[in-house]
């Protein structure tokens, strides 16, 4: 299953050419009609309408998706071509044009672009009014929401921290339910089918020889397995998955990640779990620090830890539900709950041109290959990728857990990751979603004007792991807010 050169799986190369990164272009200098054009807009042949920002009529904006690389653009304002002298610009074939460079590195580090011509404009920017804009836009104009003070923020965070510290994971245990665990000696193929049939994205691993739980098998493991197998042949075979156990894969994965000791042996990875009497704040911090979505709750009545019992799988969703339930009738004690998420800067947002120190949000078209989606999930270290149409409107989302749909009718045995499109992969799985994550829960949306409380309530629903922030009407993507984003914000 593994090649002699174990580094092959880490040769990720550049970002796929199908990757799209939405950018927010802003013209803050007024006008009656404003359009955007550029090298990315059908090579300057398309005029993209820009719309005024509500409550700030002199600021026009447009969200447009571009591929990684170097681009030029300018604005068509009231019948005249203009460029923004406060952004990087050069003299080119179309006169003075603004420039933007989007990184092609798979880690999506945002480069520091320096203007090639010194700016010396006397234009009056209205960016401060743009920053202060906090207005509800659910279709009706309403009052401006008061800005949250630093005292409100810290006070709210303190109350949530106290609540989490005073409650334990025992309170997360359901009255009844089941938890699926897998033996490490199971073939990978069989484990793949079990996750698919049970409709679960992960399962704790039990080592019979050691008499203890030793880890977790997740959908990401299967993504890595399929990518590794794809490196050594054009098609995947069922036999390759049949002959390797979960334990063999975990050891091979350690070699792939360079987790070996001085003698060339794979280093055992620390098993992340929690006990029933651990407080919720410690569990949240454990989840965030280890960048995992779920931890098993394990209890042993003996002092030496033998005969452990698997009680439940603790997740951020379950903990968030506890917070929402506790503060539902005392929301006034948490002023931040009524603030719109755009004011709180929660989540990952489409960057504005010229904005530094941010991580662009990548998207894909339905026609992109499944291989491109899997590579992006691994390289960008994200759990989901928005799928957009030719107008950059949200049509679906591809998640790590969608990989288990390939177990249906043993699809993984006769597909080519480079030939199957994302659309085909989603169609394959449309009948495979479990009652724990119905399709209607997969592609949940919200508006930038939605309150933090509204967003938290939606994310606390079973199966909802993230919300895609879209423009009202057009459904163009403005950002994504996930469960981990919410808790990072709440705990500061």
Protein backbone atom coordinates (compact mmCIF):
# COMPACT_ATOMS: atom_id res chain seq x y z
CA UNK A 1 0.00 0.00 0.00
CA UNK A 2 2.89 2.35 0.69
CA UNK A 3 5.69 3.17 -1.69
CA UNK A 4 9.35 3.07 -0.75
CA UNK A 5 9.45 6.84 -1.01
CA UNK A 6 7.03 7.70 1.75
CA UNK A 7 7.36 11.43 1.01
CA UNK A 8 5.33 11.04 -2.15
CA UNK A 9 2.08 11.72 -0.35
CA UNK A 10 3.42 15.02 0.89
CA UNK A 11 4.39 16.34 -2.53
CA UNK A 12 1.33 18.49 -2.82
CA UNK A 13 2.70 20.97 -5.34
CA UNK A 14 0.84 24.16 -6.14
CA UNK A 15 -2.82 24.88 -5.59
CA UNK A 16 -5.10 23.32 -8.20
CA UNK A 17 -5.91 25.56 -11.13
CA UNK A 18 -9.64 25.08 -10.41
CA UNK A 19 -9.38 26.80 -7.02
CA UNK A 20 -11.32 30.06 -6.82
CA UNK A 21 -10.74 32.70 -4.18
CA UNK A 22 -13.52 35.26 -3.64
CA UNK A 23 -12.28 38.82 -3.17
CA UNK A 24 -14.19 41.93 -2.09
CA UNK A 25 -13.43 44.83 -4.41
CA UNK A 26 -14.34 48.24 -2.96
CA UNK A 27 -14.67 51.67 -4.58
CA UNK A 28 -15.11 54.11 -1.64
CA UNK A 29 -15.16 57.37 -3.60
CA UNK A 30 -18.80 57.68 -4.70
CA UNK A 31 -20.48 57.85 -8.10
CA UNK A 32 -23.81 57.21 -9.77
CA UNK A 33 -22.88 53.99 -11.58
CA UNK A 34 -19.75 51.97 -10.77
CA UNK A 35 -18.43 48.86 -12.50
CA UNK A 36 -15.39 46.65 -12.01
CA UNK A 37 -13.30 45.11 -14.79
CA UNK A 38 -9.97 43.37 -14.96
CA UNK A 39 -7.77 40.66 -16.41
CA UNK A 40 -9.87 38.10 -14.53
CA UNK A 41 -13.17 39.36 -16.04
CA UNK A 42 -12.91 37.63 -19.42
CA UNK A 43 -9.72 39.58 -20.06
CA UNK A 44 -11.26 43.03 -19.55
CA UNK A 45 -14.29 42.33 -21.76
CA UNK A 46 -16.78 42.12 -18.88
CA UNK A 47 -18.12 44.95 -16.71
CA UNK A 48 -19.09 43.72 -13.25
CA UNK A 49 -21.75 45.90 -11.52
CA UNK A 50 -20.82 47.24 -8.10
CA UNK A 51 -23.55 48.04 -5.58
CA UNK A 52 -23.64 50.66 -2.80
CA UNK A 53 -23.14 49.40 0.72
CA UNK A 54 -26.33 49.90 2.71
CA UNK A 55 -26.10 52.95 4.94
CA UNK A 56 -22.97 54.18 3.16
CA UNK A 57 -23.99 55.28 -0.38
CA UNK A 58 -20.51 56.49 -1.37
CA UNK A 59 -18.98 53.03 -0.91
CA UNK A 60 -19.50 50.52 -3.73
CA UNK A 61 -18.53 46.87 -3.53
CA UNK A 62 -18.51 43.67 -5.58
CA UNK A 63 -17.50 40.14 -4.64
CA UNK A 64 -15.80 38.31 -7.49
CA UNK A 65 -13.91 35.02 -7.50
CA UNK A 66 -10.47 34.90 -9.08
CA UNK A 67 -7.87 32.20 -9.49
CA UNK A 68 -4.54 32.35 -7.59
CA UNK A 69 -1.93 34.45 -9.40
CA UNK A 70 -1.31 38.01 -10.57
CA UNK A 71 -4.25 40.14 -11.72
CA UNK A 72 -4.91 43.72 -12.84
CA UNK A 73 -8.17 45.62 -12.44
CA UNK A 74 -9.73 49.09 -12.52
CA UNK A 75 -13.10 50.78 -12.10
CA UNK A 76 -15.56 52.29 -14.61
CA UNK A 77 -17.17 55.18 -12.72
CA UNK A 78 -19.86 57.33 -14.36
CA UNK A 79 -18.51 56.56 -17.82
CA UNK A 80 -14.82 57.10 -16.96
CA UNK A 81 -12.06 54.59 -16.20
CA UNK A 82 -10.55 55.12 -12.75
CA UNK A 83 -8.06 53.37 -10.50
CA UNK A 84 -7.78 53.46 -6.71
CA UNK A 85 -4.63 55.36 -5.78
CA UNK A 86 -4.75 53.96 -2.24
CA UNK A 87 -4.16 50.40 -3.51
CA UNK A 88 -1.10 49.01 -5.37
CA UNK A 89 -1.10 50.10 -9.03
CA UNK A 90 1.13 50.06 -12.10
CA UNK A 91 1.16 51.51 -15.60
CA UNK A 92 0.12 48.85 -18.11
CA UNK A 93 -1.56 48.21 -21.42
CA UNK A 94 -4.80 49.72 -20.07
CA UNK A 95 -3.19 52.76 -18.46
CA UNK A 96 -2.90 52.97 -14.69
CA UNK A 97 -4.37 49.78 -13.24
CA UNK A 98 -4.59 48.34 -9.73
CA UNK A 99 -2.92 45.02 -9.04
CA UNK A 100 -3.47 42.07 -6.76
CA UNK A 101 -1.33 38.98 -6.20
CA UNK A 102 -2.98 35.90 -4.69
CA UNK A 103 -0.67 33.22 -3.34
CA UNK A 104 -0.54 29.86 -5.11
CA UNK A 105 1.02 28.17 -2.09
CA UNK A 106 -1.26 25.44 -0.73
CA UNK A 107 -1.09 26.98 2.72
CA UNK A 108 -2.65 30.13 1.28
CA UNK A 109 -0.38 32.62 2.99
CA UNK A 110 -1.33 36.09 1.90
CA UNK A 111 1.65 37.89 0.31
CA UNK A 112 2.69 41.39 1.21
CA UNK A 113 2.19 43.37 -2.02
CA UNK A 114 3.96 46.70 -2.29
CA UNK A 115 2.80 49.41 -4.73
CA UNK A 116 5.17 49.97 -7.64
CA UNK A 117 4.10 53.62 -7.88
CA UNK A 118 3.94 55.80 -4.80
CA UNK A 119 0.46 56.80 -3.87
CA UNK A 120 -0.25 60.51 -3.68
CA UNK A 121 -3.98 60.89 -3.92
CA UNK A 122 -6.13 63.55 -2.32
CA UNK A 123 -9.30 61.45 -2.60
CA UNK A 124 -11.47 61.51 0.49
CA UNK A 125 -12.03 57.95 1.62
CA UNK A 126 -15.18 56.95 3.45
CA UNK A 127 -13.65 53.80 4.90
CA UNK A 128 -14.31 54.79 8.52
CA UNK A 129 -18.01 54.98 7.83
CA UNK A 130 -17.69 51.63 6.06
CA UNK A 131 -16.01 50.08 9.12
CA UNK A 132 -18.70 51.48 11.42
CA UNK A 133 -21.47 50.00 9.29
CA UNK A 134 -23.52 47.62 11.43
CA UNK A 135 -26.97 47.32 9.91
CA UNK A 136 -29.51 44.53 9.72
CA UNK A 137 -30.23 43.60 6.08
CA UNK A 138 -32.74 40.75 6.16
CA UNK A 139 -34.64 42.55 3.42
CA UNK A 140 -35.89 45.47 5.48
CA UNK A 141 -33.97 48.50 6.64
CA UNK A 142 -33.86 48.63 10.41
CA UNK A 143 -32.09 50.57 13.10
CA UNK A 144 -28.36 50.52 13.45
CA UNK A 145 -27.22 48.06 16.11
CA UNK A 146 -25.16 49.66 18.91
CA UNK A 147 -21.50 48.76 18.83
CA UNK A 148 -20.36 46.29 21.46
CA UNK A 149 -17.86 47.75 23.91
CA UNK A 150 -14.74 46.00 25.15
CA UNK A 151 -16.38 45.74 28.56
CA UNK A 152 -19.41 43.98 27.03
CA UNK A 153 -17.11 41.56 25.22
CA UNK A 154 -14.97 40.67 28.22
CA UNK A 155 -17.97 40.44 30.54
CA UNK A 156 -19.76 38.06 28.19
CA UNK A 157 -16.68 35.92 27.78
CA UNK A 158 -16.22 35.73 31.54
CA UNK A 159 -19.81 34.52 32.10
CA UNK A 160 -19.45 31.84 29.45
CA UNK A 161 -16.11 30.74 30.87
CA UNK A 162 -17.62 30.45 34.36
CA UNK A 163 -20.53 28.40 33.01
CA UNK A 164 -18.25 25.99 31.13
CA UNK A 165 -15.96 25.58 34.14
CA UNK A 166 -18.91 24.74 36.41
CA UNK A 167 -20.38 21.98 34.23
CA UNK A 168 -18.97 18.59 33.24
CA UNK A 169 -19.09 16.29 30.24
CA UNK A 170 -21.41 14.01 32.23
CA UNK A 171 -24.18 16.47 31.37
CA UNK A 172 -23.61 15.76 27.67
CA UNK A 173 -24.51 12.08 28.01
CA UNK A 174 -27.84 11.24 26.35
CA UNK A 175 -30.45 9.14 28.11
CA UNK A 176 -29.97 6.50 25.44
CA UNK A 177 -27.88 6.07 22.34
CA UNK A 178 -25.06 4.10 20.78
CA UNK A 179 -21.40 4.72 20.05
CA UNK A 180 -19.60 2.71 17.36
CA UNK A 181 -16.00 1.61 18.04
CA UNK A 182 -13.72 -0.27 15.66
CA UNK A 183 -11.03 -2.88 16.33
CA UNK A 184 -7.61 -1.82 15.04
CA UNK A 185 -7.22 -5.23 13.36
CA UNK A 186 -10.20 -4.61 11.06
CA UNK A 187 -9.33 -4.21 7.37
CA UNK A 188 -9.49 -0.62 6.20
CA UNK A 189 -12.09 -1.60 3.60
CA UNK A 190 -14.42 -2.99 6.25
CA UNK A 191 -13.98 0.08 8.44
CA UNK A 192 -14.78 2.26 5.41
CA UNK A 193 -18.07 0.40 4.89
CA UNK A 194 -19.01 0.57 8.58
CA UNK A 195 -18.64 4.35 8.72
CA UNK A 196 -20.76 4.65 5.58
CA UNK A 197 -23.46 2.24 6.73
CA UNK A 198 -23.68 3.79 10.20
CA UNK A 199 -23.71 7.31 8.79
CA UNK A 200 -20.85 8.49 11.03
CA UNK A 201 -17.70 10.45 10.12
CA UNK A 202 -15.44 8.88 12.77
CA UNK A 203 -15.11 6.05 15.28
CA UNK A 204 -12.85 5.37 18.32
CA UNK A 205 -10.32 2.54 17.91
CA UNK A 206 -10.02 -0.40 20.30
CA UNK A 207 -6.82 -2.44 20.63
CA UNK A 208 -7.76 -5.86 22.01
CA UNK A 209 -4.15 -6.83 22.78
CA UNK A 210 -3.68 -3.73 24.95
CA UNK A 211 -7.20 -3.73 26.37
CA UNK A 212 -7.67 -0.01 25.74
CA UNK A 213 -8.78 2.61 23.27
CA UNK A 214 -5.84 3.89 21.24
CA UNK A 215 -7.13 6.46 18.77
CA UNK A 216 -9.83 7.55 16.35
CA UNK A 217 -10.41 6.72 12.69
CA UNK A 218 -11.86 9.66 10.77
CA UNK A 219 -13.01 10.56 7.27
CA UNK A 220 -9.68 12.37 6.82
CA UNK A 221 -7.91 9.01 7.15
CA UNK A 222 -9.82 7.76 4.13
CA UNK A 223 -9.01 10.89 2.15
CA UNK A 224 -5.32 10.34 2.84
CA UNK A 225 -5.60 6.65 1.97
CA UNK A 226 -7.29 7.35 -1.37
CA UNK A 227 -4.73 10.04 -2.24
CA UNK A 228 -1.88 7.69 -1.34
CA UNK A 229 -3.31 4.87 -3.42
CA UNK A 230 -3.88 7.29 -6.26
CA UNK A 231 -0.17 8.08 -6.31
CA UNK A 232 0.65 4.48 -7.30
CA UNK A 233 -1.94 3.72 -9.94
CA UNK A 234 -4.62 5.29 -12.10
CA UNK A 235 -7.43 3.28 -10.48
CA UNK A 236 -8.10 2.17 -6.93
CA UNK A 237 -8.62 -1.52 -6.27
CA UNK A 238 -10.69 -3.10 -3.59
CA UNK A 239 -7.88 -5.56 -2.87
CA UNK A 240 -5.53 -2.81 -1.77
CA UNK A 241 -8.00 -1.73 0.89
CA UNK A 242 -8.75 -5.35 1.84
CA UNK A 243 -5.18 -6.31 2.72
CA UNK A 244 -4.36 -3.52 5.17
CA UNK A 245 -5.68 -3.18 8.69
CA UNK A 246 -6.44 0.03 10.50
CA UNK A 247 -3.35 -0.53 12.64
CA UNK A 248 -1.17 -0.89 9.53
CA UNK A 249 -2.58 2.34 8.11
CA UNK A 250 -1.99 4.26 11.33
CA UNK A 251 1.63 3.09 11.37
CA UNK A 252 2.05 4.02 7.72
CA UNK A 253 0.48 7.39 8.38
CA UNK A 254 3.08 8.06 11.09
CA UNK A 255 5.83 7.42 8.52
CA UNK A 256 4.09 9.70 6.02
CA UNK A 257 4.06 12.49 8.60
CA UNK A 258 7.65 11.89 9.68
CA UNK A 259 6.58 10.78 13.16
CA UNK A 260 9.40 8.27 13.74
CA UNK A 261 11.99 7.79 16.46
CA UNK A 262 15.79 7.52 16.13
CA UNK A 263 15.50 3.84 15.27
CA UNK A 264 13.08 4.41 12.41
CA UNK A 265 10.05 3.17 14.34
CA UNK A 266 6.70 4.94 14.22
CA UNK A 267 6.05 7.07 17.30
CA UNK A 268 2.77 6.30 19.07
CA UNK A 269 0.39 9.24 18.86
CA UNK A 270 -1.20 10.47 22.08
CA UNK A 271 -4.83 9.38 22.36
CA UNK A 272 -7.02 12.43 22.95
CA UNK A 273 -10.02 11.71 25.16
CA UNK A 274 -11.94 13.07 28.16
CA UNK A 275 -13.50 11.71 31.33
CA UNK A 276 -17.14 12.11 32.41
CA UNK A 277 -16.20 14.53 35.20
CA UNK A 278 -13.91 16.82 33.17
CA UNK A 279 -15.31 20.33 33.02
CA UNK A 280 -16.61 21.58 29.69
CA UNK A 281 -14.09 24.39 29.38
CA UNK A 282 -11.17 21.94 29.56
CA UNK A 283 -12.84 19.77 26.93
CA UNK A 284 -13.39 22.75 24.60
CA UNK A 285 -9.74 23.81 24.97
CA UNK A 286 -8.64 20.22 24.28
CA UNK A 287 -10.73 20.14 21.11
CA UNK A 288 -9.42 23.51 19.88
CA UNK A 289 -5.77 22.92 20.77
CA UNK A 290 -5.68 19.53 19.07
CA UNK A 291 -7.78 20.75 16.11
CA UNK A 292 -10.25 17.86 16.38
CA UNK A 293 -14.04 17.99 16.21
CA UNK A 294 -14.83 15.20 18.66
CA UNK A 295 -13.29 13.46 21.67
CA UNK A 296 -14.41 10.14 23.18
CA UNK A 297 -15.66 10.25 26.78
CA UNK A 298 -14.14 7.23 28.51
CA UNK A 299 -14.66 6.03 32.07
CA UNK A 300 -12.89 3.33 34.04
CA UNK A 301 -13.96 2.28 37.52
CA UNK A 302 -10.53 0.84 38.31
CA UNK A 303 -7.58 2.95 39.42
CA UNK A 304 -5.21 1.50 36.82
CA UNK A 305 -7.55 2.43 33.98
CA UNK A 306 -8.35 -1.13 32.95
CA UNK A 307 -11.75 -2.13 31.56
CA UNK A 308 -12.50 1.32 30.10
CA UNK A 309 -16.04 2.13 29.06
CA UNK A 310 -16.83 4.27 26.02
CA UNK A 311 -19.73 6.48 27.11
CA UNK A 312 -20.18 9.12 24.44
CA UNK A 313 -18.47 11.30 21.84
CA UNK A 314 -18.20 14.91 23.06
CA UNK A 315 -18.38 17.55 20.34
CA UNK A 316 -18.37 21.32 20.11
CA UNK A 317 -21.94 21.13 18.81
CA UNK A 318 -23.17 19.43 21.97
CA UNK A 319 -21.35 21.90 24.22
CA UNK A 320 -22.70 24.87 22.24
CA UNK A 321 -26.21 23.48 22.68
CA UNK A 322 -25.66 23.53 26.47
CA UNK A 323 -24.61 27.19 26.30
CA UNK A 324 -27.62 28.18 24.19
CA UNK A 325 -30.00 26.32 26.48
CA UNK A 326 -28.55 27.86 29.64
CA UNK A 327 -28.53 31.47 28.40
CA UNK A 328 -31.71 31.27 26.30
CA UNK A 329 -33.81 33.18 28.85
CA UNK A 330 -31.05 35.42 30.15
CA UNK A 331 -29.49 36.68 26.94
CA UNK A 332 -29.34 40.21 28.37
CA UNK A 333 -26.46 39.01 30.56
CA UNK A 334 -24.48 38.39 27.35
CA UNK A 335 -24.59 41.63 25.30
CA UNK A 336 -22.51 40.10 22.49
CA UNK A 337 -25.35 37.72 21.60
CA UNK A 338 -27.34 40.48 19.90
CA UNK A 339 -24.40 41.82 17.89
CA UNK A 340 -24.23 40.92 14.17
CA UNK A 341 -21.41 38.57 13.26
CA UNK A 342 -19.95 41.09 10.81
CA UNK A 343 -19.20 43.42 13.72
CA UNK A 344 -17.61 40.70 15.81
CA UNK A 345 -15.41 39.41 12.95
CA UNK A 346 -16.24 35.80 13.75
CA UNK A 347 -15.20 33.22 11.15
CA UNK A 348 -13.31 33.39 7.86
CA UNK A 349 -14.34 36.24 5.59
CA UNK A 350 -13.75 37.16 1.97
CA UNK A 351 -10.80 39.60 2.16
CA UNK A 352 -10.89 43.07 0.73
CA UNK A 353 -8.32 43.98 -1.86
CA UNK A 354 -5.22 45.20 -0.07
CA UNK A 355 -6.18 43.58 3.21
CA UNK A 356 -3.18 41.79 4.72
CA UNK A 357 -2.71 39.11 7.36
CA UNK A 358 -5.77 37.15 6.25
CA UNK A 359 -6.33 33.73 4.81
CA UNK A 360 -8.28 33.76 1.53
CA UNK A 361 -11.38 31.60 1.28
CA UNK A 362 -11.06 28.99 -1.47
CA UNK A 363 -13.99 27.62 -3.50
CA UNK A 364 -14.48 25.18 -6.37
CA UNK A 365 -16.87 24.74 -9.29
CA UNK A 366 -19.01 21.58 -9.57
CA UNK A 367 -16.95 20.61 -12.63
CA UNK A 368 -13.69 20.50 -10.64
CA UNK A 369 -12.23 17.05 -10.09
CA UNK A 370 -12.73 15.13 -6.87
CA UNK A 371 -8.94 14.95 -6.67
CA UNK A 372 -8.78 18.76 -6.59
CA UNK A 373 -11.30 18.83 -3.72
CA UNK A 374 -9.46 16.22 -1.67
CA UNK A 375 -6.11 17.93 -2.23
CA UNK A 376 -7.56 21.26 -1.14
CA UNK A 377 -9.11 19.75 2.01
CA UNK A 378 -5.71 18.38 3.02
CA UNK A 379 -3.49 21.23 1.86
CA UNK A 380 -5.58 24.10 3.19
CA UNK A 381 -6.41 22.15 6.37
CA UNK A 382 -10.13 22.86 6.13
CA UNK A 383 -13.10 20.58 6.75
CA UNK A 384 -15.27 21.82 3.89
CA UNK A 385 -15.16 23.61 0.54
CA UNK A 386 -18.00 25.79 -0.83
CA UNK A 387 -19.13 24.78 -4.32
CA UNK A 388 -20.29 27.70 -6.49
CA UNK A 389 -21.83 28.16 -9.94
CA UNK A 390 -20.60 30.42 -12.73
CA UNK A 391 -22.12 33.41 -10.92
CA UNK A 392 -20.22 32.51 -7.74
CA UNK A 393 -23.51 31.69 -6.01
CA UNK A 394 -23.45 28.90 -3.45
CA UNK A 395 -24.91 25.63 -4.76
CA UNK A 396 -23.48 23.05 -2.35
CA UNK A 397 -20.60 22.25 -0.06
CA UNK A 398 -18.11 19.36 -0.12
CA UNK A 399 -17.05 18.12 3.31
CA UNK A 400 -14.46 15.65 4.55
CA UNK A 401 -17.21 13.27 5.65
CA UNK A 402 -18.55 13.10 2.07
CA UNK A 403 -15.69 10.74 1.24
CA UNK A 404 -17.57 7.89 2.94
CA UNK A 405 -20.14 8.02 0.11
CA UNK A 406 -17.53 6.27 -2.04
CA UNK A 407 -18.23 3.12 -0.03
CA UNK A 408 -21.65 2.94 -1.68
CA UNK A 409 -21.62 0.02 -4.13
CA UNK A 410 -17.81 -0.05 -3.68
CA UNK A 411 -17.45 3.06 -5.85
CA UNK A 412 -13.86 3.56 -4.67
CA UNK A 413 -12.87 0.34 -6.48
CA UNK A 414 -13.68 1.61 -9.96
CA UNK A 415 -13.29 5.39 -9.99
CA UNK A 416 -10.47 7.70 -10.93
CA UNK A 417 -10.15 10.68 -8.58
CA UNK A 418 -8.90 12.89 -11.42
CA UNK A 419 -11.84 12.02 -13.67
CA UNK A 420 -14.75 12.11 -11.23
CA UNK A 421 -16.15 15.62 -10.76
CA UNK A 422 -17.37 17.09 -7.50
CA UNK A 423 -20.87 17.17 -8.95
CA UNK A 424 -20.71 13.43 -9.63
CA UNK A 425 -19.31 12.74 -6.16
CA UNK A 426 -22.14 14.69 -4.53
CA UNK A 427 -24.72 12.94 -6.72
CA UNK A 428 -23.24 9.62 -5.66
CA UNK A 429 -23.74 10.50 -2.05
CA UNK A 430 -27.12 12.25 -2.22
CA UNK A 431 -28.92 9.11 -1.03
CA UNK A 432 -26.21 8.22 1.46
CA UNK A 433 -26.64 10.87 4.12
CA UNK A 434 -27.48 9.54 7.52
CA UNK A 435 -30.31 10.73 9.79
CA UNK A 436 -27.54 12.31 11.87
CA UNK A 437 -26.67 14.66 9.00
CA UNK A 438 -29.54 15.05 6.54
CA UNK A 439 -28.74 16.82 3.29
CA UNK A 440 -30.88 19.80 4.30
CA UNK A 441 -28.45 20.36 7.19
CA UNK A 442 -25.31 20.23 5.06
CA UNK A 443 -25.46 23.57 3.28
CA UNK A 444 -26.79 25.93 5.93
CA UNK A 445 -26.48 29.66 5.26
CA UNK A 446 -26.64 32.91 7.19
CA UNK A 447 -26.27 36.64 6.52
CA UNK A 448 -23.52 38.95 7.74
CA UNK A 449 -26.23 40.85 9.63
CA UNK A 450 -27.43 37.80 11.59
CA UNK A 451 -26.87 38.04 15.33
CA UNK A 452 -24.33 35.88 17.12
CA UNK A 453 -27.22 34.31 19.06
CA UNK A 454 -29.00 33.29 15.83
CA UNK A 455 -25.79 31.80 14.42
CA UNK A 456 -25.09 29.88 17.65
CA UNK A 457 -28.62 28.45 17.72
CA UNK A 458 -28.24 27.15 14.17
CA UNK A 459 -24.81 25.65 14.80
CA UNK A 460 -26.14 23.89 17.90
CA UNK A 461 -28.46 21.80 15.71
CA UNK A 462 -27.33 18.20 15.12
CA UNK A 463 -25.38 17.77 11.90
CA UNK A 464 -24.68 21.48 11.36
CA UNK A 465 -20.95 22.08 11.58
CA UNK A 466 -20.60 25.37 9.74
CA UNK A 467 -22.69 28.18 8.20
CA UNK A 468 -21.84 29.78 4.87
CA UNK A 469 -22.22 33.56 5.03
CA UNK A 470 -23.87 34.76 1.81
CA UNK A 471 -25.14 37.96 0.24
CA UNK A 472 -28.91 38.27 0.50
CA UNK A 473 -30.48 37.48 -2.86
CA UNK A 474 -27.41 36.57 -4.90
CA UNK A 475 -26.13 33.90 -2.46
CA UNK A 476 -22.58 34.97 -3.27
CA UNK A 477 -20.25 33.83 -0.55
CA UNK A 478 -18.98 36.37 1.96
CA UNK A 479 -17.45 33.96 4.46
CA UNK A 480 -17.80 30.83 6.59
CA UNK A 481 -18.34 30.54 10.33
CA UNK A 482 -17.72 27.18 12.00
CA UNK A 483 -18.17 25.70 15.46
CA UNK A 484 -14.49 26.16 16.25
CA UNK A 485 -14.69 29.83 15.14
CA UNK A 486 -17.50 30.42 17.62
CA UNK A 487 -15.63 28.88 20.55
CA UNK A 488 -12.36 30.63 19.72
CA UNK A 489 -14.28 33.89 19.84
CA UNK A 490 -16.23 33.07 23.01
CA UNK A 491 -13.12 32.06 24.94
CA UNK A 492 -10.96 34.84 23.53
